Amino acid sequence: MKPSRNGARELAGWLEANFPDCSFTEVNRDRKAQPPQNGGRYQGRIDGPAGWADAVRTGDRLTVLDAARRLLAR
């Protein structure tokens, strides 16, 4: 399911307000991005800071994942 433009904008705004060190990038496979990215036709990626994968940031990652699911599924 392709997220709506409004949902993507809301997620980007939510990230800026709550996790300013993260960003949301949309990837549209139909445009044949170079180099190829992700496996699906349309996907989004949330990029975080260097320490984002640390165990102490697990709660933050889950919060962002929940917000992405909620805002992009509209």
C-alpha atoms as a PDB file:
ATOM      1  CA  MET A   1       0.000   0.000   0.000  1.00  0.00           C
ATOM      2  CA  LYS A   2       1.458   3.330  -1.017  1.00  0.00           C
ATOM      3  CA  PRO A   3       1.303   5.917   1.783  1.00  0.00           C
ATOM      4  CA  SER A   4      -0.394   9.209   1.040  1.00  0.00           C
ATOM      5  CA  ARG A   5       1.622  12.378   0.515  1.00  0.00           C
ATOM      6  CA  ASN A   6      -0.091  13.890   3.563  1.00  0.00           C
ATOM      7  CA  GLY A   7       0.920  10.910   5.702  1.00  0.00           C
ATOM      8  CA  ALA A   8       4.528  11.184   4.530  1.00  0.00           C
ATOM      9  CA  ARG A   9       4.553  14.931   5.282  1.00  0.00           C
ATOM     10  CA  GLU A  10       3.020  14.312   8.714  1.00  0.00           C
ATOM     11  CA  LEU A  11       5.673  11.703   9.506  1.00  0.00           C
ATOM     12  CA  ALA A  12       8.476  14.032   8.381  1.00  0.00           C
ATOM     13  CA  GLY A  13       7.026  16.810  10.568  1.00  0.00           C
ATOM     14  CA  TRP A  14       6.555  14.456  13.507  1.00  0.00           C
ATOM     15  CA  LEU A  15      10.172  13.312  13.213  1.00  0.00           C
ATOM     16  CA  GLU A  16      11.408  16.904  13.059  1.00  0.00           C
ATOM     17  CA  ALA A  17       9.452  17.806  16.192  1.00  0.00           C
ATOM     18  CA  ASN A  18      10.236  14.663  18.217  1.00  0.00           C
ATOM     19  CA  PHE A  19      13.500  13.259  16.845  1.00  0.00           C
ATOM     20  CA  PRO A  20      15.270  16.083  14.972  1.00  0.00           C
ATOM     21  CA  ASP A  21      18.348  13.894  14.486  1.00  0.00           C
ATOM     22  CA  CYS A  22      16.322  11.539  12.230  1.00  0.00           C
ATOM     23  CA  SER A  23      15.011  12.012   8.701  1.00  0.00           C
ATOM     24  CA  PHE A  24      12.446  10.310   6.445  1.00  0.00           C
ATOM     25  CA  THR A  25      13.341   9.524   2.826  1.00  0.00           C
ATOM     26  CA  GLU A  26      10.883   8.214   0.231  1.00  0.00           C
ATOM     27  CA  VAL A  27      12.134   5.739  -2.359  1.00  0.00           C
ATOM     28  CA  ASN A  28      10.110   5.173  -5.539  1.00  0.00           C
ATOM     29  CA  ARG A  29      11.367   2.145  -7.460  1.00  0.00           C
ATOM     30  CA  ASP A  30       9.420   3.108 -10.597  1.00  0.00           C
ATOM     31  CA  ARG A  31      11.870   5.956 -11.117  1.00  0.00           C
ATOM     32  CA  LYS A  32      14.818   3.547 -11.227  1.00  0.00           C
ATOM     33  CA  ALA A  33      16.955   5.208  -8.568  1.00  0.00           C
ATOM     34  CA  GLN A  34      20.681   4.822  -9.033  1.00  0.00           C
ATOM     35  CA  PRO A  35      22.088   2.996  -7.222  1.00  0.00           C
ATOM     36  CA  PRO A  36      19.049   0.724  -6.756  1.00  0.00           C
ATOM     37  CA  GLN A  37      17.560   1.004  -3.260  1.00  0.00           C
ATOM     38  CA  ASN A  38      15.217  -1.297  -1.309  1.00  0.00           C
ATOM     39  CA  GLY A  39      13.351  -4.221  -2.793  1.00  0.00           C
ATOM     40  CA  GLY A  40       9.860  -2.816  -3.292  1.00  0.00           C
ATOM     41  CA  ARG A  41       8.437  -0.319  -5.752  1.00  0.00           C
ATOM     42  CA  TYR A  42       7.672   2.319  -3.107  1.00  0.00           C
ATOM     43  CA  GLN A  43       9.250   2.399   0.305  1.00  0.00           C
ATOM     44  CA  GLY A  44      10.360   4.871   2.906  1.00  0.00           C
ATOM     45  CA  ARG A  45      13.469   4.886   4.996  1.00  0.00           C
ATOM     46  CA  ILE A  46      14.113   6.586   8.321  1.00  0.00           C
ATOM     47  CA  ASP A  47      17.735   7.515   8.816  1.00  0.00           C
ATOM     48  CA  GLY A  48      19.035   8.099  12.319  1.00  0.00           C
ATOM     49  CA  PRO A  49      22.266   9.235  13.958  1.00  0.00           C
ATOM     50  CA  ALA A  50      25.325   7.012  14.372  1.00  0.00           C
ATOM     51  CA  GLY A  51      24.250   5.627  17.777  1.00  0.00           C
ATOM     52  CA  TRP A  52      20.701   4.820  16.637  1.00  0.00           C
ATOM     53  CA  ALA A  53      21.365   1.045  16.588  1.00  0.00           C
ATOM     54  CA  ASP A  54      22.548   0.967  20.217  1.00  0.00           C
ATOM     55  CA  ALA A  55      20.450  -0.993  22.704  1.00  0.00           C
ATOM     56  CA  VAL A  56      19.758   2.145  24.773  1.00  0.00           C
ATOM     57  CA  ARG A  57      17.843   3.632  21.799  1.00  0.00           C
ATOM     58  CA  THR A  58      15.489   0.637  21.425  1.00  0.00           C
ATOM     59  CA  GLY A  59      12.572   2.565  22.952  1.00  0.00           C
ATOM     60  CA  ASP A  60      13.167   5.473  20.568  1.00  0.00           C
ATOM     61  CA  ARG A  61      13.252   3.158  17.541  1.00  0.00           C
ATOM     62  CA  LEU A  62       9.989   1.497  18.613  1.00  0.00           C
ATOM     63  CA  THR A  63       8.354   4.907  19.123  1.00  0.00           C
ATOM     64  CA  VAL A  64       9.386   5.999  15.616  1.00  0.00           C
ATOM     65  CA  LEU A  65       8.206   2.687  14.130  1.00  0.00           C
ATOM     66  CA  ASP A  66       4.819   3.029  15.822  1.00  0.00           C
ATOM     67  CA  ALA A  67       4.440   6.613  14.572  1.00  0.00           C
ATOM     68  CA  ALA A  68       5.414   5.585  11.047  1.00  0.00           C
ATOM     69  CA  ARG A  69       2.846   2.789  11.013  1.00  0.00           C
ATOM     70  CA  ARG A  70       0.156   5.075  12.390  1.00  0.00           C
ATOM     71  CA  LEU A  71       0.818   8.066  10.124  1.00  0.00           C
ATOM     72  CA  LEU A  72       1.573   6.211   6.890  1.00  0.00           C
ATOM     73  CA  ALA A  73      -1.336   3.761   7.101  1.00  0.00           C
ATOM     74  CA  ARG A  74      -3.968   6.481   6.732  1.00  0.00           C
END
